Amino acid sequence: MMKTLVDPFTVYLPHLDLHGEVRDSVKFLVNTFIKDNYLLKKDKVVIIHGRSGGVLRKEVHLVLKNNEYVKDYYVDSVNSGQTIVQIKLV
């Protein structure tokens, strides 16, 4: 019997999956997701952007860099197709 590995970040934390999205929609989706989780007092979230090409990852990081609610963000060391975001809670 084969065991399924469970990624604790995407299972237990709120996450936004951007697979299939285009770069132009990323800014709206990410900013809305971050603001919603800020209002819900969630201090950590996951954004899944995928690994191929890095176009979505670069756009996500550009949006996060300029978002007032973001404290810090980093690419997950186990899964480079997702970014972990720490949200500033006042």
PDB file of N, CA and C in Angstrom:
ATOM      1  N   MET A   1       0.832  -1.172   0.000  1.00  0.00           N
ATOM      2  CA  MET A   1       0.000   0.000   0.000  1.00  0.00           C
ATOM      3  C   MET A   1       0.890   1.255   0.000  1.00  0.00           C
ATOM      4  N   MET A   2       0.536   2.204  -0.824  1.00  0.00           N
ATOM      5  CA  MET A   2       1.331   3.419  -0.968  1.00  0.00           C
ATOM      6  C   MET A   2       0.768   4.532  -0.089  1.00  0.00           C
ATOM      7  N   LYS A   3       1.644   5.184   0.677  1.00  0.00           N
ATOM      8  CA  LYS A   3       1.226   6.293   1.525  1.00  0.00           C
ATOM      9  C   LYS A   3       1.237   7.589   0.724  1.00  0.00           C
ATOM     10  N   THR A   4       0.263   8.416   0.976  1.00  0.00           N
ATOM     11  CA  THR A   4       0.223   9.727   0.360  1.00  0.00           C
ATOM     12  C   THR A   4       0.891  10.724   1.292  1.00  0.00           C
ATOM     13  N   LEU A   5       1.851  11.477   0.753  1.00  0.00           N
ATOM     14  CA  LEU A   5       2.507  12.496   1.562  1.00  0.00           C
ATOM     15  C   LEU A   5       1.592  13.706   1.677  1.00  0.00           C
ATOM     16  N   VAL A   6       1.504  14.233   2.871  1.00  0.00           N
ATOM     17  CA  VAL A   6       0.654  15.387   3.126  1.00  0.00           C
ATOM     18  C   VAL A   6       1.541  16.602   3.360  1.00  0.00           C
ATOM     19  N   ASP A   7       1.308  17.639   2.588  1.00  0.00           N
ATOM     20  CA  ASP A   7       2.044  18.881   2.758  1.00  0.00           C
ATOM     21  C   ASP A   7       1.326  19.704   3.826  1.00  0.00           C
ATOM     22  N   PRO A   8       1.940  19.887   4.994  1.00  0.00           N
ATOM     23  CA  PRO A   8       1.251  20.581   6.091  1.00  0.00           C
ATOM     24  C   PRO A   8       0.881  22.022   5.752  1.00  0.00           C
ATOM     25  N   PHE A   9       1.662  22.671   4.918  1.00  0.00           N
ATOM     26  CA  PHE A   9       1.345  24.056   4.579  1.00  0.00           C
ATOM     27  C   PHE A   9       0.050  24.164   3.791  1.00  0.00           C
ATOM     28  N   THR A  10      -0.120  23.347   2.768  1.00  0.00           N
ATOM     29  CA  THR A  10      -1.305  23.487   1.927  1.00  0.00           C
ATOM     30  C   THR A  10      -2.538  22.827   2.525  1.00  0.00           C
ATOM     31  N   VAL A  11      -2.362  21.967   3.505  1.00  0.00           N
ATOM     32  CA  VAL A  11      -3.511  21.319   4.124  1.00  0.00           C
ATOM     33  C   VAL A  11      -4.069  22.162   5.273  1.00  0.00           C
ATOM     34  N   TYR A  12      -3.200  22.694   6.104  1.00  0.00           N
ATOM     35  CA  TYR A  12      -3.650  23.364   7.322  1.00  0.00           C
ATOM     36  C   TYR A  12      -3.709  24.893   7.237  1.00  0.00           C
ATOM     37  N   LEU A  13      -3.038  25.466   6.272  1.00  0.00           N
ATOM     38  CA  LEU A  13      -3.051  26.912   6.128  1.00  0.00           C
ATOM     39  C   LEU A  13      -3.957  27.320   4.971  1.00  0.00           C
ATOM     40  N   PRO A  14      -4.554  28.513   5.050  1.00  0.00           N
ATOM     41  CA  PRO A  14      -5.323  28.995   3.903  1.00  0.00           C
ATOM     42  C   PRO A  14      -4.400  29.081   2.690  1.00  0.00           C
ATOM     43  N   HIS A  15      -4.899  28.693   1.537  1.00  0.00           N
ATOM     44  CA  HIS A  15      -4.048  28.737   0.356  1.00  0.00           C
ATOM     45  C   HIS A  15      -4.814  29.208  -0.877  1.00  0.00           C
ATOM     46  N   LEU A  16      -4.060  29.793  -1.779  1.00  0.00           N
ATOM     47  CA  LEU A  16      -4.571  30.281  -3.053  1.00  0.00           C
ATOM     48  C   LEU A  16      -3.813  29.554  -4.144  1.00  0.00           C
ATOM     49  N   ASP A  17      -4.530  28.839  -4.999  1.00  0.00           N
ATOM     50  CA  ASP A  17      -3.916  28.087  -6.090  1.00  0.00           C
ATOM     51  C   ASP A  17      -4.062  28.879  -7.382  1.00  0.00           C
ATOM     52  N   LEU A  18      -2.936  29.290  -7.949  1.00  0.00           N
ATOM     53  CA  LEU A  18      -2.939  30.105  -9.160  1.00  0.00           C
ATOM     54  C   LEU A  18      -2.708  29.301 -10.432  1.00  0.00           C
ATOM     55  N   HIS A  19      -2.714  27.981 -10.342  1.00  0.00           N
ATOM     56  CA  HIS A  19      -2.546  27.163 -11.551  1.00  0.00           C
ATOM     57  C   HIS A  19      -3.615  27.540 -12.574  1.00  0.00           C
ATOM     58  N   GLY A  20      -3.203  27.767 -13.799  1.00  0.00           N
ATOM     59  CA  GLY A  20      -4.134  28.100 -14.867  1.00  0.00           C
ATOM     60  C   GLY A  20      -4.439  29.578 -14.989  1.00  0.00           C
ATOM     61  N   GLU A  21      -3.942  30.379 -14.054  1.00  0.00           N
ATOM     62  CA  GLU A  21      -4.175  31.825 -14.117  1.00  0.00           C
ATOM     63  C   GLU A  21      -3.124  32.489 -15.001  1.00  0.00           C
ATOM     64  N   VAL A  22      -3.462  33.664 -15.502  1.00  0.00           N
ATOM     65  CA  VAL A  22      -2.511  34.436 -16.297  1.00  0.00           C
ATOM     66  C   VAL A  22      -1.913  35.527 -15.418  1.00  0.00           C
ATOM     67  N   ARG A  23      -0.769  36.010 -15.830  1.00  0.00           N
ATOM     68  CA  ARG A  23      -0.031  36.993 -15.043  1.00  0.00           C
ATOM     69  C   ARG A  23      -0.867  38.227 -14.718  1.00  0.00           C
ATOM     70  N   ASP A  24      -1.699  38.661 -15.648  1.00  0.00           N
ATOM     71  CA  ASP A  24      -2.490  39.877 -15.454  1.00  0.00           C
ATOM     72  C   ASP A  24      -3.514  39.762 -14.324  1.00  0.00           C
ATOM     73  N   SER A  25      -3.974  38.559 -14.014  1.00  0.00           N
ATOM     74  CA  SER A  25      -4.976  38.384 -12.960  1.00  0.00           C
ATOM     75  C   SER A  25      -4.350  38.165 -11.581  1.00  0.00           C
ATOM     76  N   VAL A  26      -3.057  37.932 -11.539  1.00  0.00           N
ATOM     77  CA  VAL A  26      -2.377  37.604 -10.287  1.00  0.00           C
ATOM     78  C   VAL A  26      -2.465  38.742  -9.270  1.00  0.00           C
ATOM     79  N   LYS A  27      -2.260  39.971  -9.692  1.00  0.00           N
ATOM     80  CA  LYS A  27      -2.259  41.103  -8.758  1.00  0.00           C
ATOM     81  C   LYS A  27      -3.585  41.185  -8.000  1.00  0.00           C
ATOM     82  N   PHE A  28      -4.688  41.132  -8.714  1.00  0.00           N
ATOM     83  CA  PHE A  28      -5.996  41.207  -8.076  1.00  0.00           C
ATOM     84  C   PHE A  28      -6.225  40.023  -7.141  1.00  0.00           C
ATOM     85  N   LEU A  29      -5.958  38.809  -7.618  1.00  0.00           N
ATOM     86  CA  LEU A  29      -6.206  37.606  -6.819  1.00  0.00           C
ATOM     87  C   LEU A  29      -5.363  37.579  -5.548  1.00  0.00           C
ATOM     88  N   VAL A  30      -4.092  37.871  -5.666  1.00  0.00           N
ATOM     89  CA  VAL A  30      -3.194  37.824  -4.507  1.00  0.00           C
ATOM     90  C   VAL A  30      -3.546  38.922  -3.502  1.00  0.00           C
ATOM     91  N   ASN A  31      -3.740  40.142  -3.975  1.00  0.00           N
ATOM     92  CA  ASN A  31      -4.070  41.238  -3.055  1.00  0.00           C
ATOM     93  C   ASN A  31      -5.385  40.992  -2.322  1.00  0.00           C
ATOM     94  N   THR A  32      -6.377  40.466  -3.021  1.00  0.00           N
ATOM     95  CA  THR A  32      -7.661  40.157  -2.386  1.00  0.00           C
ATOM     96  C   THR A  32      -7.501  39.045  -1.349  1.00  0.00           C
ATOM     97  N   PHE A  33      -6.760  38.010  -1.700  1.00  0.00           N
ATOM     98  CA  PHE A  33      -6.508  36.885  -0.798  1.00  0.00           C
ATOM     99  C   PHE A  33      -5.784  37.340   0.468  1.00  0.00           C
ATOM    100  N   ILE A  34      -4.759  38.160   0.308  1.00  0.00           N
ATOM    101  CA  ILE A  34      -3.992  38.656   1.458  1.00  0.00           C
ATOM    102  C   ILE A  34      -4.881  39.529   2.353  1.00  0.00           C
ATOM    103  N   LYS A  35      -5.631  40.440   1.762  1.00  0.00           N
ATOM    104  CA  LYS A  35      -6.489  41.324   2.557  1.00  0.00           C
ATOM    105  C   LYS A  35      -7.564  40.540   3.299  1.00  0.00           C
ATOM    106  N   ASP A  36      -8.183  39.557   2.628  1.00  0.00           N
ATOM    107  CA  ASP A  36      -9.198  38.726   3.279  1.00  0.00           C
ATOM    108  C   ASP A  36      -8.620  38.007   4.491  1.00  0.00           C
ATOM    109  N   ASN A  37      -7.424  37.459   4.352  1.00  0.00           N
ATOM    110  CA  ASN A  37      -6.814  36.725   5.460  1.00  0.00           C
ATOM    111  C   ASN A  37      -6.318  37.654   6.554  1.00  0.00           C
ATOM    112  N   TYR A  38      -5.942  38.860   6.208  1.00  0.00           N
ATOM    113  CA  TYR A  38      -5.604  39.873   7.211  1.00  0.00           C
ATOM    114  C   TYR A  38      -6.844  40.178   8.059  1.00  0.00           C
ATOM    115  N   LEU A  39      -7.970  40.379   7.395  1.00  0.00           N
ATOM    116  CA  LEU A  39      -9.219  40.677   8.109  1.00  0.00           C
ATOM    117  C   LEU A  39      -9.681  39.495   8.968  1.00  0.00           C
ATOM    118  N   LEU A  40      -9.337  38.274   8.540  1.00  0.00           N
ATOM    119  CA  LEU A  40      -9.679  37.073   9.302  1.00  0.00           C
ATOM    120  C   LEU A  40      -8.644  36.754  10.382  1.00  0.00           C
ATOM    121  N   LYS A  41      -7.621  37.608  10.491  1.00  0.00           N
ATOM    122  CA  LYS A  41      -6.556  37.460  11.491  1.00  0.00           C
ATOM    123  C   LYS A  41      -5.723  36.187  11.305  1.00  0.00           C
ATOM    124  N   LYS A  42      -5.532  35.791  10.048  1.00  0.00           N
ATOM    125  CA  LYS A  42      -4.654  34.660   9.728  1.00  0.00           C
ATOM    126  C   LYS A  42      -3.247  35.206   9.525  1.00  0.00           C
ATOM    127  N   ASP A  43      -2.274  34.674  10.252  1.00  0.00           N
ATOM    128  CA  ASP A  43      -0.928  35.233  10.163  1.00  0.00           C
ATOM    129  C   ASP A  43      -0.029  34.561   9.134  1.00  0.00           C
ATOM    130  N   LYS A  44      -0.453  33.429   8.591  1.00  0.00           N
ATOM    131  CA  LYS A  44       0.365  32.733   7.601  1.00  0.00           C
ATOM    132  C   LYS A  44      -0.546  32.088   6.562  1.00  0.00           C
ATOM    133  N   VAL A  45      -0.185  32.266   5.285  1.00  0.00           N
ATOM    134  CA  VAL A  45      -0.945  31.692   4.180  1.00  0.00           C
ATOM    135  C   VAL A  45       0.017  31.146   3.131  1.00  0.00           C
ATOM    136  N   VAL A  46      -0.524  30.399   2.190  1.00  0.00           N
ATOM    137  CA  VAL A  46       0.273  29.810   1.124  1.00  0.00           C
ATOM    138  C   VAL A  46      -0.289  30.243  -0.226  1.00  0.00           C
ATOM    139  N   ILE A  47       0.599  30.608  -1.127  1.00  0.00           N
ATOM    140  CA  ILE A  47       0.205  30.894  -2.502  1.00  0.00           C
ATOM    141  C   ILE A  47       0.906  29.874  -3.393  1.00  0.00           C
ATOM    142  N   ILE A  48       0.111  29.097  -4.111  1.00  0.00           N
ATOM    143  CA  ILE A  48       0.637  28.061  -5.000  1.00  0.00           C
ATOM    144  C   ILE A  48       0.714  28.649  -6.406  1.00  0.00           C
ATOM    145  N   HIS A  49       1.935  28.754  -6.930  1.00  0.00           N
ATOM    146  CA  HIS A  49       2.138  29.354  -8.238  1.00  0.00           C
ATOM    147  C   HIS A  49       2.704  28.386  -9.260  1.00  0.00           C
ATOM    148  N   GLY A  50       3.145  27.239  -8.822  1.00  0.00           N
ATOM    149  CA  GLY A  50       3.727  26.254  -9.739  1.00  0.00           C
ATOM    150  C   GLY A  50       5.206  26.519  -9.975  1.00  0.00           C
ATOM    151  N   ARG A  51       5.855  25.561 -10.619  1.00  0.00           N
ATOM    152  CA  ARG A  51       7.302  25.615 -10.816  1.00  0.00           C
ATOM    153  C   ARG A  51       7.729  25.993 -12.225  1.00  0.00           C
ATOM    154  N   SER A  52       6.920  25.711 -13.215  1.00  0.00           N
ATOM    155  CA  SER A  52       7.371  25.838 -14.602  1.00  0.00           C
ATOM    156  C   SER A  52       7.543  27.289 -15.037  1.00  0.00           C
ATOM    157  N   GLY A  53       8.715  27.621 -15.503  1.00  0.00           N
ATOM    158  CA  GLY A  53       8.989  28.935 -16.054  1.00  0.00           C
ATOM    159  C   GLY A  53       9.234  30.040 -15.052  1.00  0.00           C
ATOM    160  N   GLY A  54       8.548  30.036 -13.944  1.00  0.00           N
ATOM    161  CA  GLY A  54       8.738  31.043 -12.912  1.00  0.00           C
ATOM    162  C   GLY A  54       8.044  32.369 -13.166  1.00  0.00           C
ATOM    163  N   VAL A  55       7.237  32.463 -14.221  1.00  0.00           N
ATOM    164  CA  VAL A  55       6.558  33.719 -14.541  1.00  0.00           C
ATOM    165  C   VAL A  55       5.572  34.097 -13.445  1.00  0.00           C
ATOM    166  N   LEU A  56       4.736  33.149 -13.020  1.00  0.00           N
ATOM    167  CA  LEU A  56       3.765  33.447 -11.965  1.00  0.00           C
ATOM    168  C   LEU A  56       4.456  33.714 -10.633  1.00  0.00           C
ATOM    169  N   ARG A  57       5.502  32.964 -10.336  1.00  0.00           N
ATOM    170  CA  ARG A  57       6.233  33.178  -9.079  1.00  0.00           C
ATOM    171  C   ARG A  57       6.799  34.598  -9.027  1.00  0.00           C
ATOM    172  N   LYS A  58       7.403  35.043 -10.112  1.00  0.00           N
ATOM    173  CA  LYS A  58       7.957  36.404 -10.149  1.00  0.00           C
ATOM    174  C   LYS A  58       6.870  37.450  -9.960  1.00  0.00           C
ATOM    175  N   GLU A  59       5.735  37.251 -10.593  1.00  0.00           N
ATOM    176  CA  GLU A  59       4.627  38.202 -10.459  1.00  0.00           C
ATOM    177  C   GLU A  59       4.065  38.193  -9.041  1.00  0.00           C
ATOM    178  N   VAL A  60       3.917  37.000  -8.462  1.00  0.00           N
ATOM    179  CA  VAL A  60       3.425  36.878  -7.080  1.00  0.00           C
ATOM    180  C   VAL A  60       4.368  37.615  -6.132  1.00  0.00           C
ATOM    181  N   HIS A  61       5.668  37.418  -6.285  1.00  0.00           N
ATOM    182  CA  HIS A  61       6.637  38.054  -5.397  1.00  0.00           C
ATOM    183  C   HIS A  61       6.647  39.575  -5.572  1.00  0.00           C
ATOM    184  N   LEU A  62       6.444  40.046  -6.790  1.00  0.00           N
ATOM    185  CA  LEU A  62       6.352  41.484  -7.028  1.00  0.00           C
ATOM    186  C   LEU A  62       5.134  42.076  -6.316  1.00  0.00           C
ATOM    187  N   VAL A  63       4.019  41.380  -6.387  1.00  0.00           N
ATOM    188  CA  VAL A  63       2.791  41.832  -5.714  1.00  0.00           C
ATOM    189  C   VAL A  63       2.983  41.813  -4.197  1.00  0.00           C
ATOM    190  N   LEU A  64       3.560  40.735  -3.678  1.00  0.00           N
ATOM    191  CA  LEU A  64       3.774  40.618  -2.228  1.00  0.00           C
ATOM    192  C   LEU A  64       4.712  41.702  -1.712  1.00  0.00           C
ATOM    193  N   LYS A  65       5.726  42.018  -2.497  1.00  0.00           N
ATOM    194  CA  LYS A  65       6.708  43.033  -2.106  1.00  0.00           C
ATOM    195  C   LYS A  65       6.034  44.387  -1.893  1.00  0.00           C
ATOM    196  N   ASN A  66       4.981  44.660  -2.642  1.00  0.00           N
ATOM    197  CA  ASN A  66       4.307  45.956  -2.587  1.00  0.00           C
ATOM    198  C   ASN A  66       3.002  45.940  -1.796  1.00  0.00           C
ATOM    199  N   ASN A  67       2.697  44.840  -1.114  1.00  0.00           N
ATOM    200  CA  ASN A  67       1.451  44.735  -0.363  1.00  0.00           C
ATOM    201  C   ASN A  67       1.684  45.172   1.089  1.00  0.00           C
ATOM    202  N   GLU A  68       0.882  46.112   1.559  1.00  0.00           N
ATOM    203  CA  GLU A  68       1.061  46.672   2.898  1.00  0.00           C
ATOM    204  C   GLU A  68       0.805  45.684   4.034  1.00  0.00           C
ATOM    205  N   TYR A  69       0.089  44.599   3.772  1.00  0.00           N
ATOM    206  CA  TYR A  69      -0.245  43.623   4.815  1.00  0.00           C
ATOM    207  C   TYR A  69       0.794  42.512   4.947  1.00  0.00           C
ATOM    208  N   VAL A  70       1.755  42.457   4.044  1.00  0.00           N
ATOM    209  CA  VAL A  70       2.731  41.366   4.036  1.00  0.00           C
ATOM    210  C   VAL A  70       3.934  41.721   4.905  1.00  0.00           C
ATOM    211  N   LYS A  71       4.203  40.851   5.864  1.00  0.00           N
ATOM    212  CA  LYS A  71       5.360  41.012   6.747  1.00  0.00           C
ATOM    213  C   LYS A  71       6.601  40.395   6.110  1.00  0.00           C
ATOM    214  N   ASP A  72       6.438  39.188   5.562  1.00  0.00           N
ATOM    215  CA  ASP A  72       7.552  38.463   4.951  1.00  0.00           C
ATOM    216  C   ASP A  72       6.999  37.381   4.038  1.00  0.00           C
ATOM    217  N   TYR A  73       7.816  36.909   3.114  1.00  0.00           N
ATOM    218  CA  TYR A  73       7.426  35.800   2.246  1.00  0.00           C
ATOM    219  C   TYR A  73       8.678  35.073   1.774  1.00  0.00           C
ATOM    220  N   TYR A  74       8.522  33.805   1.490  1.00  0.00           N
ATOM    221  CA  TYR A  74       9.648  33.000   1.024  1.00  0.00           C
ATOM    222  C   TYR A  74       9.124  31.777   0.283  1.00  0.00           C
ATOM    223  N   VAL A  75       9.927  31.288  -0.650  1.00  0.00           N
ATOM    224  CA  VAL A  75       9.583  30.073  -1.378  1.00  0.00           C
ATOM    225  C   VAL A  75       9.761  28.906  -0.417  1.00  0.00           C
ATOM    226  N   ASP A  76       8.790  28.024  -0.389  1.00  0.00           N
ATOM    227  CA  ASP A  76       8.835  26.841   0.475  1.00  0.00           C
ATOM    228  C   ASP A  76      10.064  26.008   0.117  1.00  0.00           C
ATOM    229  N   SER A  77      10.859  25.651   1.105  1.00  0.00           N
ATOM    230  CA  SER A  77      12.090  24.893   0.862  1.00  0.00           C
ATOM    231  C   SER A  77      11.821  23.454   0.424  1.00  0.00           C
ATOM    232  N   VAL A  78      10.633  22.938   0.718  1.00  0.00           N
ATOM    233  CA  VAL A  78      10.283  21.569   0.331  1.00  0.00           C
ATOM    234  C   VAL A  78       9.589  21.549  -1.028  1.00  0.00           C
ATOM    235  N   ASN A  79       8.786  22.565  -1.303  1.00  0.00           N
ATOM    236  CA  ASN A  79       8.029  22.634  -2.552  1.00  0.00           C
ATOM    237  C   ASN A  79       8.238  24.006  -3.176  1.00  0.00           C
ATOM    238  N   SER A  80       9.104  24.076  -4.174  1.00  0.00           N
ATOM    239  CA  SER A  80       9.427  25.372  -4.790  1.00  0.00           C
ATOM    240  C   SER A  80       8.282  25.937  -5.630  1.00  0.00           C
ATOM    241  N   GLY A  81       7.192  25.221  -5.720  1.00  0.00           N
ATOM    242  CA  GLY A  81       6.027  25.693  -6.457  1.00  0.00           C
ATOM    243  C   GLY A  81       5.056  26.487  -5.608  1.00  0.00           C
ATOM    244  N   GLN A  82       5.458  26.797  -4.379  1.00  0.00           N
ATOM    245  CA  GLN A  82       4.576  27.588  -3.527  1.00  0.00           C
ATOM    246  C   GLN A  82       5.388  28.553  -2.667  1.00  0.00           C
ATOM    247  N   THR A  83       4.735  29.642  -2.312  1.00  0.00           N
ATOM    248  CA  THR A  83       5.351  30.667  -1.481  1.00  0.00           C
ATOM    249  C   THR A  83       4.559  30.792  -0.187  1.00  0.00           C
ATOM    250  N   ILE A  84       5.285  30.828   0.922  1.00  0.00           N
ATOM    251  CA  ILE A  84       4.685  31.012   2.243  1.00  0.00           C
ATOM    252  C   ILE A  84       4.712  32.497   2.556  1.00  0.00           C
ATOM    253  N   VAL A  85       3.577  33.020   3.009  1.00  0.00           N
ATOM    254  CA  VAL A  85       3.457  34.452   3.277  1.00  0.00           C
ATOM    255  C   VAL A  85       3.098  34.667   4.738  1.00  0.00           C
ATOM    256  N   GLN A  86       3.847  35.544   5.412  1.00  0.00           N
ATOM    257  CA  GLN A  86       3.508  35.950   6.770  1.00  0.00           C
ATOM    258  C   GLN A  86       2.814  37.298   6.694  1.00  0.00           C
ATOM    259  N   ILE A  87       1.660  37.387   7.314  1.00  0.00           N
ATOM    260  CA  ILE A  87       0.849  38.600   7.254  1.00  0.00           C
ATOM    261  C   ILE A  87       1.030  39.406   8.539  1.00  0.00           C
ATOM    262  N   LYS A  88       1.134  40.726   8.373  1.00  0.00           N
ATOM    263  CA  LYS A  88       1.242  41.628   9.545  1.00  0.00           C
ATOM    264  C   LYS A  88      -0.114  41.678  10.231  1.00  0.00           C
ATOM    265  N   LEU A  89      -0.134  41.333  11.497  1.00  0.00           N
ATOM    266  CA  LEU A  89      -1.343  41.480  12.283  1.00  0.00           C
ATOM    267  C   LEU A  89      -1.109  42.565  13.306  1.00  0.00           C
ATOM    268  N   VAL A  90      -1.969  43.557  13.315  1.00  0.00           N
ATOM    269  CA  VAL A  90      -1.788  44.702  14.215  1.00  0.00           C
ATOM    270  C   VAL A  90      -2.412  44.417  15.556  1.00  0.00           C
TER     271      VAL A  90
END
